[in-house]
All heavy atoms as atom14 arrays in JSON, in Angstrom:
{
  "sequence": "GDCKIANSIRNKVHSFDLVALSPLVTVCDMAKV",
  "atom14_mask": [
    [1, 1, 1, 1, 0, 0, 0, 0, 0, 0, 0, 0, 0, 0],
    [1, 1, 1, 1, 1, 1, 1, 1, 0, 0, 0, 0, 0, 0],
    [1, 1, 1, 1, 1, 1, 0, 0, 0, 0, 0, 0, 0, 0],
    [1, 1, 1, 1, 1, 1, 1, 1, 1, 0, 0, 0, 0, 0],
    [1, 1, 1, 1, 1, 1, 1, 1, 0, 0, 0, 0, 0, 0],
    [1, 1, 1, 1, 1, 0, 0, 0, 0, 0, 0, 0, 0, 0],
    [1, 1, 1, 1, 1, 1, 1, 1, 0, 0, 0, 0, 0, 0],
    [1, 1, 1, 1, 1, 1, 0, 0, 0, 0, 0, 0, 0, 0],
    [1, 1, 1, 1, 1, 1, 1, 1, 0, 0, 0, 0, 0, 0],
    [1, 1, 1, 1, 1, 1, 1, 1, 1, 1, 1, 0, 0, 0],
    [1, 1, 1, 1, 1, 1, 1, 1, 0, 0, 0, 0, 0, 0],
    [1, 1, 1, 1, 1, 1, 1, 1, 1, 0, 0, 0, 0, 0],
    [1, 1, 1, 1, 1, 1, 1, 0, 0, 0, 0, 0, 0, 0],
    [1, 1, 1, 1, 1, 1, 1, 1, 1, 1, 0, 0, 0, 0],
    [1, 1, 1, 1, 1, 1, 0, 0, 0, 0, 0, 0, 0, 0],
    [1, 1, 1, 1, 1, 1, 1, 1, 1, 1, 1, 0, 0, 0],
    [1, 1, 1, 1, 1, 1, 1, 1, 0, 0, 0, 0, 0, 0],
    [1, 1, 1, 1, 1, 1, 1, 1, 0, 0, 0, 0, 0, 0],
    [1, 1, 1, 1, 1, 1, 1, 0, 0, 0, 0, 0, 0, 0],
    [1, 1, 1, 1, 1, 0, 0, 0, 0, 0, 0, 0, 0, 0],
    [1, 1, 1, 1, 1, 1, 1, 1, 0, 0, 0, 0, 0, 0],
    [1, 1, 1, 1, 1, 1, 0, 0, 0, 0, 0, 0, 0, 0],
    [1, 1, 1, 1, 1, 1, 1, 0, 0, 0, 0, 0, 0, 0],
    [1, 1, 1, 1, 1, 1, 1, 1, 0, 0, 0, 0, 0, 0],
    [1, 1, 1, 1, 1, 1, 1, 0, 0, 0, 0, 0, 0, 0],
    [1, 1, 1, 1, 1, 1, 1, 0, 0, 0, 0, 0, 0, 0],
    [1, 1, 1, 1, 1, 1, 1, 0, 0, 0, 0, 0, 0, 0],
    [1, 1, 1, 1, 1, 1, 0, 0, 0, 0, 0, 0, 0, 0],
    [1, 1, 1, 1, 1, 1, 1, 1, 0, 0, 0, 0, 0, 0],
    [1, 1, 1, 1, 1, 1, 1, 1, 0, 0, 0, 0, 0, 0],
    [1, 1, 1, 1, 1, 0, 0, 0, 0, 0, 0, 0, 0, 0],
    [1, 1, 1, 1, 1, 1, 1, 1, 1, 0, 0, 0, 0, 0],
    [1, 1, 1, 1, 1, 1, 1, 0, 0, 0, 0, 0, 0, 0]
  ],
  "atom14_positions": [
    [[-56.02, 30.27, 80.66], [-55.15, 29.33, 80.07], [-55.09, 28.06, 80.94], [-56.13, 27.35, 81.01], [0.0, 0.0, 0.0], [0.0, 0.0, 0.0], [0.0, 0.0, 0.0], [0.0, 0.0, 0.0], [0.0, 0.0, 0.0], [0.0, 0.0, 0.0], [0.0, 0.0, 0.0], [0.0, 0.0, 0.0], [0.0, 0.0, 0.0], [0.0, 0.0, 0.0]],
    [[-54.02, 27.75, 81.51], [-53.84, 26.41, 82.31], [-54.15, 26.58, 83.76], [-53.77, 25.78, 84.54], [-52.42, 25.93, 82.07], [-51.35, 26.86, 82.6], [-51.69, 27.94, 83.27], [-50.21, 26.48, 82.46], [0.0, 0.0, 0.0], [0.0, 0.0, 0.0], [0.0, 0.0, 0.0], [0.0, 0.0, 0.0], [0.0, 0.0, 0.0], [0.0, 0.0, 0.0]],
    [[-54.93, 27.58, 84.17], [-55.27, 27.8, 85.52], [-54.22, 27.96, 86.51], [-54.41, 27.48, 87.67], [-56.3, 26.68, 85.87], [-57.77, 26.68, 84.87], [0.0, 0.0, 0.0], [0.0, 0.0, 0.0], [0.0, 0.0, 0.0], [0.0, 0.0, 0.0], [0.0, 0.0, 0.0], [0.0, 0.0, 0.0], [0.0, 0.0, 0.0], [0.0, 0.0, 0.0]],
    [[-53.12, 28.5, 86.17], [-52.04, 28.66, 87.14], [-52.49, 29.43, 88.37], [-52.02, 29.02, 89.51], [-50.88, 29.33, 86.49], [-49.58, 29.29, 87.27], [-48.32, 29.67, 86.51], [-48.01, 28.88, 85.35], [-47.57, 27.55, 85.46], [0.0, 0.0, 0.0], [0.0, 0.0, 0.0], [0.0, 0.0, 0.0], [0.0, 0.0, 0.0], [0.0, 0.0, 0.0]],
    [[-53.26, 30.37, 88.25], [-53.76, 31.2, 89.38], [-54.62, 30.31, 90.34], [-54.36, 30.24, 91.49], [-54.45, 32.51, 88.99], [-53.46, 33.5, 88.35], [-55.12, 33.19, 90.15], [-54.05, 34.69, 87.71], [0.0, 0.0, 0.0], [0.0, 0.0, 0.0], [0.0, 0.0, 0.0], [0.0, 0.0, 0.0], [0.0, 0.0, 0.0], [0.0, 0.0, 0.0]],
    [[-55.59, 29.68, 89.73], [-56.48, 28.86, 90.57], [-55.75, 27.75, 91.29], [-56.08, 27.34, 92.36], [-57.6, 28.3, 89.67], [0.0, 0.0, 0.0], [0.0, 0.0, 0.0], [0.0, 0.0, 0.0], [0.0, 0.0, 0.0], [0.0, 0.0, 0.0], [0.0, 0.0, 0.0], [0.0, 0.0, 0.0], [0.0, 0.0, 0.0], [0.0, 0.0, 0.0]],
    [[-54.74, 27.21, 90.61], [-53.92, 26.09, 91.2], [-52.86, 26.6, 92.19], [-52.19, 25.77, 92.77], [-53.29, 25.22, 90.08], [-54.26, 24.43, 89.36], [-55.13, 23.83, 89.9], [-54.16, 24.37, 87.96], [0.0, 0.0, 0.0], [0.0, 0.0, 0.0], [0.0, 0.0, 0.0], [0.0, 0.0, 0.0], [0.0, 0.0, 0.0], [0.0, 0.0, 0.0]],
    [[-52.76, 27.89, 92.36], [-51.56, 28.37, 93.08], [-52.06, 29.19, 94.36], [-51.16, 29.52, 95.15], [-50.79, 29.27, 92.3], [-50.22, 28.65, 91.19], [0.0, 0.0, 0.0], [0.0, 0.0, 0.0], [0.0, 0.0, 0.0], [0.0, 0.0, 0.0], [0.0, 0.0, 0.0], [0.0, 0.0, 0.0], [0.0, 0.0, 0.0], [0.0, 0.0, 0.0]],
    [[-53.34, 29.48, 94.53], [-53.74, 30.24, 95.64], [-54.97, 29.55, 96.32], [-55.52, 28.58, 95.83], [-54.16, 31.69, 95.25], [-55.43, 31.66, 94.3], [-52.95, 32.39, 94.65], [-55.87, 33.13, 93.9], [0.0, 0.0, 0.0], [0.0, 0.0, 0.0], [0.0, 0.0, 0.0], [0.0, 0.0, 0.0], [0.0, 0.0, 0.0], [0.0, 0.0, 0.0]],
    [[-55.25, 30.04, 97.58], [-56.26, 29.42, 98.39], [-57.68, 29.97, 98.14], [-58.65, 29.36, 98.4], [-55.98, 29.61, 99.89], [-54.73, 28.95, 100.34], [-54.34, 29.3, 101.88], [-54.11, 30.81, 101.76], [-54.29, 31.64, 102.73], [-54.74, 31.25, 103.91], [-53.98, 32.89, 102.73], [0.0, 0.0, 0.0], [0.0, 0.0, 0.0], [0.0, 0.0, 0.0]],
    [[-57.72, 31.12, 97.36], [-58.87, 31.88, 97.19], [-59.83, 31.08, 96.22], [-59.37, 30.22, 95.48], [-58.66, 33.22, 96.55], [-57.66, 34.05, 97.3], [-56.53, 33.62, 97.51], [-58.08, 35.17, 97.85], [0.0, 0.0, 0.0], [0.0, 0.0, 0.0], [0.0, 0.0, 0.0], [0.0, 0.0, 0.0], [0.0, 0.0, 0.0], [0.0, 0.0, 0.0]],
    [[-61.17, 31.39, 96.25], [-62.02, 30.96, 95.28], [-61.68, 31.61, 93.92], [-61.61, 32.85, 93.91], [-63.46, 31.22, 95.71], [-64.55, 31.07, 94.58], [-64.74, 29.63, 94.2], [-65.89, 29.52, 93.16], [-65.81, 28.26, 92.49], [0.0, 0.0, 0.0], [0.0, 0.0, 0.0], [0.0, 0.0, 0.0], [0.0, 0.0, 0.0], [0.0, 0.0, 0.0]],
    [[-61.43, 30.91, 92.87], [-61.14, 31.48, 91.54], [-62.07, 30.94, 90.51], [-62.19, 29.74, 90.35], [-59.61, 31.18, 91.16], [-59.26, 31.77, 89.85], [-58.62, 31.65, 92.24], [0.0, 0.0, 0.0], [0.0, 0.0, 0.0], [0.0, 0.0, 0.0], [0.0, 0.0, 0.0], [0.0, 0.0, 0.0], [0.0, 0.0, 0.0], [0.0, 0.0, 0.0]],
    [[-62.67, 31.9, 89.86], [-63.49, 31.62, 88.63], [-62.54, 31.7, 87.46], [-62.07, 32.82, 87.12], [-64.64, 32.64, 88.53], [-65.54, 32.5, 89.71], [-66.54, 31.51, 89.78], [-65.73, 33.34, 90.76], [-67.25, 31.8, 90.9], [-66.75, 32.87, 91.54], [0.0, 0.0, 0.0], [0.0, 0.0, 0.0], [0.0, 0.0, 0.0], [0.0, 0.0, 0.0]],
    [[-62.26, 30.63, 86.8], [-61.4, 30.62, 85.69], [-62.08, 30.51, 84.35], [-62.84, 29.54, 84.15], [-60.39, 29.34, 85.76], [-59.74, 29.37, 87.01], [0.0, 0.0, 0.0], [0.0, 0.0, 0.0], [0.0, 0.0, 0.0], [0.0, 0.0, 0.0], [0.0, 0.0, 0.0], [0.0, 0.0, 0.0], [0.0, 0.0, 0.0], [0.0, 0.0, 0.0]],
    [[-61.83, 31.57, 83.48], [-62.53, 31.62, 82.23], [-61.52, 31.62, 81.04], [-60.55, 32.22, 81.11], [-63.35, 32.87, 82.11], [-64.43, 33.04, 83.19], [-64.21, 34.0, 84.14], [-65.45, 32.21, 83.28], [-65.1, 34.16, 85.24], [-66.43, 32.36, 84.29], [-66.25, 33.35, 85.29], [0.0, 0.0, 0.0], [0.0, 0.0, 0.0], [0.0, 0.0, 0.0]],
    [[-62.05, 30.81, 79.98], [-61.24, 30.92, 78.71], [-62.01, 30.41, 77.63], [-63.17, 29.95, 77.8], [-59.92, 30.05, 78.87], [-58.74, 30.62, 78.03], [-59.08, 31.28, 76.98], [-57.63, 30.65, 78.58], [0.0, 0.0, 0.0], [0.0, 0.0, 0.0], [0.0, 0.0, 0.0], [0.0, 0.0, 0.0], [0.0, 0.0, 0.0], [0.0, 0.0, 0.0]],
    [[-61.53, 30.46, 76.39], [-62.32, 30.07, 75.24], [-62.35, 28.57, 75.02], [-63.23, 28.09, 74.34], [-61.72, 30.77, 73.95], [-61.74, 32.33, 73.96], [-60.94, 32.82, 72.82], [-63.17, 32.74, 73.83], [0.0, 0.0, 0.0], [0.0, 0.0, 0.0], [0.0, 0.0, 0.0], [0.0, 0.0, 0.0], [0.0, 0.0, 0.0], [0.0, 0.0, 0.0]],
    [[-61.42, 27.89, 75.59], [-61.33, 26.42, 75.54], [-60.81, 25.94, 76.95], [-59.96, 26.62, 77.59], [-60.34, 25.94, 74.5], [-60.17, 24.43, 74.46], [-60.86, 26.4, 73.08], [0.0, 0.0, 0.0], [0.0, 0.0, 0.0], [0.0, 0.0, 0.0], [0.0, 0.0, 0.0], [0.0, 0.0, 0.0], [0.0, 0.0, 0.0], [0.0, 0.0, 0.0]],
    [[-61.26, 24.79, 77.33], [-60.92, 24.32, 78.64], [-59.59, 23.4, 78.52], [-59.7, 22.3, 77.99], [-61.97, 23.44, 79.27], [0.0, 0.0, 0.0], [0.0, 0.0, 0.0], [0.0, 0.0, 0.0], [0.0, 0.0, 0.0], [0.0, 0.0, 0.0], [0.0, 0.0, 0.0], [0.0, 0.0, 0.0], [0.0, 0.0, 0.0], [0.0, 0.0, 0.0]],
    [[-58.51, 23.97, 79.09], [-57.26, 23.13, 79.27], [-57.3, 22.39, 80.56], [-56.42, 21.63, 80.83], [-56.09, 24.1, 79.15], [-55.7, 24.73, 77.84], [-54.44, 25.62, 77.99], [-55.49, 23.63, 76.73], [0.0, 0.0, 0.0], [0.0, 0.0, 0.0], [0.0, 0.0, 0.0], [0.0, 0.0, 0.0], [0.0, 0.0, 0.0], [0.0, 0.0, 0.0]],
    [[-58.28, 22.78, 81.34], [-58.35, 22.17, 82.74], [-59.88, 21.97, 83.06], [-60.7, 22.8, 82.61], [-57.66, 23.04, 83.7], [-58.13, 22.81, 85.08], [0.0, 0.0, 0.0], [0.0, 0.0, 0.0], [0.0, 0.0, 0.0], [0.0, 0.0, 0.0], [0.0, 0.0, 0.0], [0.0, 0.0, 0.0], [0.0, 0.0, 0.0], [0.0, 0.0, 0.0]],
    [[-60.24, 21.1, 83.93], [-61.64, 20.93, 84.38], [-62.07, 22.2, 85.16], [-63.3, 22.42, 85.38], [-61.64, 19.69, 85.3], [-60.4, 18.99, 84.97], [-59.37, 19.92, 84.4], [0.0, 0.0, 0.0], [0.0, 0.0, 0.0], [0.0, 0.0, 0.0], [0.0, 0.0, 0.0], [0.0, 0.0, 0.0], [0.0, 0.0, 0.0], [0.0, 0.0, 0.0]],
    [[-61.08, 23.07, 85.61], [-61.46, 24.21, 86.36], [-61.99, 25.35, 85.47], [-62.51, 26.27, 86.03], [-60.25, 24.6, 87.12], [-59.66, 23.76, 88.23], [-58.32, 24.37, 88.77], [-60.65, 23.48, 89.27], [0.0, 0.0, 0.0], [0.0, 0.0, 0.0], [0.0, 0.0, 0.0], [0.0, 0.0, 0.0], [0.0, 0.0, 0.0], [0.0, 0.0, 0.0]],
    [[-61.83, 25.25, 84.17], [-62.15, 26.33, 83.23], [-63.64, 26.3, 82.85], [-64.17, 25.28, 82.56], [-61.3, 26.17, 81.95], [-61.77, 27.26, 80.93], [-59.81, 26.34, 82.23], [0.0, 0.0, 0.0], [0.0, 0.0, 0.0], [0.0, 0.0, 0.0], [0.0, 0.0, 0.0], [0.0, 0.0, 0.0], [0.0, 0.0, 0.0], [0.0, 0.0, 0.0]],
    [[-64.19, 27.53, 82.96], [-65.49, 27.69, 82.41], [-65.29, 28.3, 80.99], [-64.73, 29.37, 80.86], [-66.36, 28.73, 83.22], [-66.51, 28.13, 84.63], [-67.68, 28.93, 82.65], [0.0, 0.0, 0.0], [0.0, 0.0, 0.0], [0.0, 0.0, 0.0], [0.0, 0.0, 0.0], [0.0, 0.0, 0.0], [0.0, 0.0, 0.0], [0.0, 0.0, 0.0]],
    [[-65.8, 27.6, 79.99], [-65.61, 28.04, 78.57], [-66.67, 29.05, 78.36], [-67.85, 28.88, 78.51], [-65.77, 26.8, 77.58], [-65.73, 27.29, 76.2], [-64.66, 25.84, 77.86], [0.0, 0.0, 0.0], [0.0, 0.0, 0.0], [0.0, 0.0, 0.0], [0.0, 0.0, 0.0], [0.0, 0.0, 0.0], [0.0, 0.0, 0.0], [0.0, 0.0, 0.0]],
    [[-66.23, 30.28, 77.94], [-67.1, 31.33, 77.58], [-66.37, 32.49, 76.86], [-65.14, 32.48, 76.76], [-67.77, 31.93, 78.73], [-66.66, 32.67, 80.0], [0.0, 0.0, 0.0], [0.0, 0.0, 0.0], [0.0, 0.0, 0.0], [0.0, 0.0, 0.0], [0.0, 0.0, 0.0], [0.0, 0.0, 0.0], [0.0, 0.0, 0.0], [0.0, 0.0, 0.0]],
    [[-67.11, 33.42, 76.3], [-66.64, 34.61, 75.74], [-66.3, 35.54, 76.9], [-67.16, 35.74, 77.84], [-67.75, 35.18, 74.88], [-67.36, 36.55, 74.16], [-66.38, 37.12, 74.55], [-68.21, 36.94, 73.38], [0.0, 0.0, 0.0], [0.0, 0.0, 0.0], [0.0, 0.0, 0.0], [0.0, 0.0, 0.0], [0.0, 0.0, 0.0], [0.0, 0.0, 0.0]],
    [[-65.13, 36.16, 76.89], [-64.7, 37.03, 78.0], [-65.6, 38.27, 78.19], [-65.63, 38.94, 79.18], [-63.29, 37.48, 77.84], [-62.22, 36.41, 77.89], [-62.31, 35.19, 79.2], [-63.01, 33.81, 78.32], [0.0, 0.0, 0.0], [0.0, 0.0, 0.0], [0.0, 0.0, 0.0], [0.0, 0.0, 0.0], [0.0, 0.0, 0.0], [0.0, 0.0, 0.0]],
    [[-66.33, 38.56, 77.09], [-67.29, 39.7, 77.15], [-68.66, 39.27, 77.82], [-69.61, 40.14, 78.01], [-67.54, 40.33, 75.73], [0.0, 0.0, 0.0], [0.0, 0.0, 0.0], [0.0, 0.0, 0.0], [0.0, 0.0, 0.0], [0.0, 0.0, 0.0], [0.0, 0.0, 0.0], [0.0, 0.0, 0.0], [0.0, 0.0, 0.0], [0.0, 0.0, 0.0]],
    [[-68.82, 38.0, 78.09], [-70.08, 37.48, 78.71], [-69.81, 36.31, 79.69], [-70.08, 35.23, 79.31], [-71.02, 37.04, 77.64], [-71.5, 38.17, 76.7], [-72.47, 37.65, 75.65], [-72.94, 38.72, 74.83], [-72.35, 38.95, 73.55], [0.0, 0.0, 0.0], [0.0, 0.0, 0.0], [0.0, 0.0, 0.0], [0.0, 0.0, 0.0], [0.0, 0.0, 0.0]],
    [[-69.19, 36.69, 80.79], [-68.91, 35.56, 81.65], [-70.14, 35.31, 82.57], [-70.87, 36.19, 82.91], [-67.67, 35.87, 82.6], [-66.45, 36.04, 81.79], [-67.87, 37.14, 83.49], [0.0, 0.0, 0.0], [0.0, 0.0, 0.0], [0.0, 0.0, 0.0], [0.0, 0.0, 0.0], [0.0, 0.0, 0.0], [0.0, 0.0, 0.0], [0.0, 0.0, 0.0]]
  ]
}
């Protein structure tokens, strides 16, 4: 979604969704990341 996890923790986060609401999102099918 809106990358709340990636924006809230220090860890490296790979953010996936069907549409990018943020530049942090990699657009893809969740069955093929």
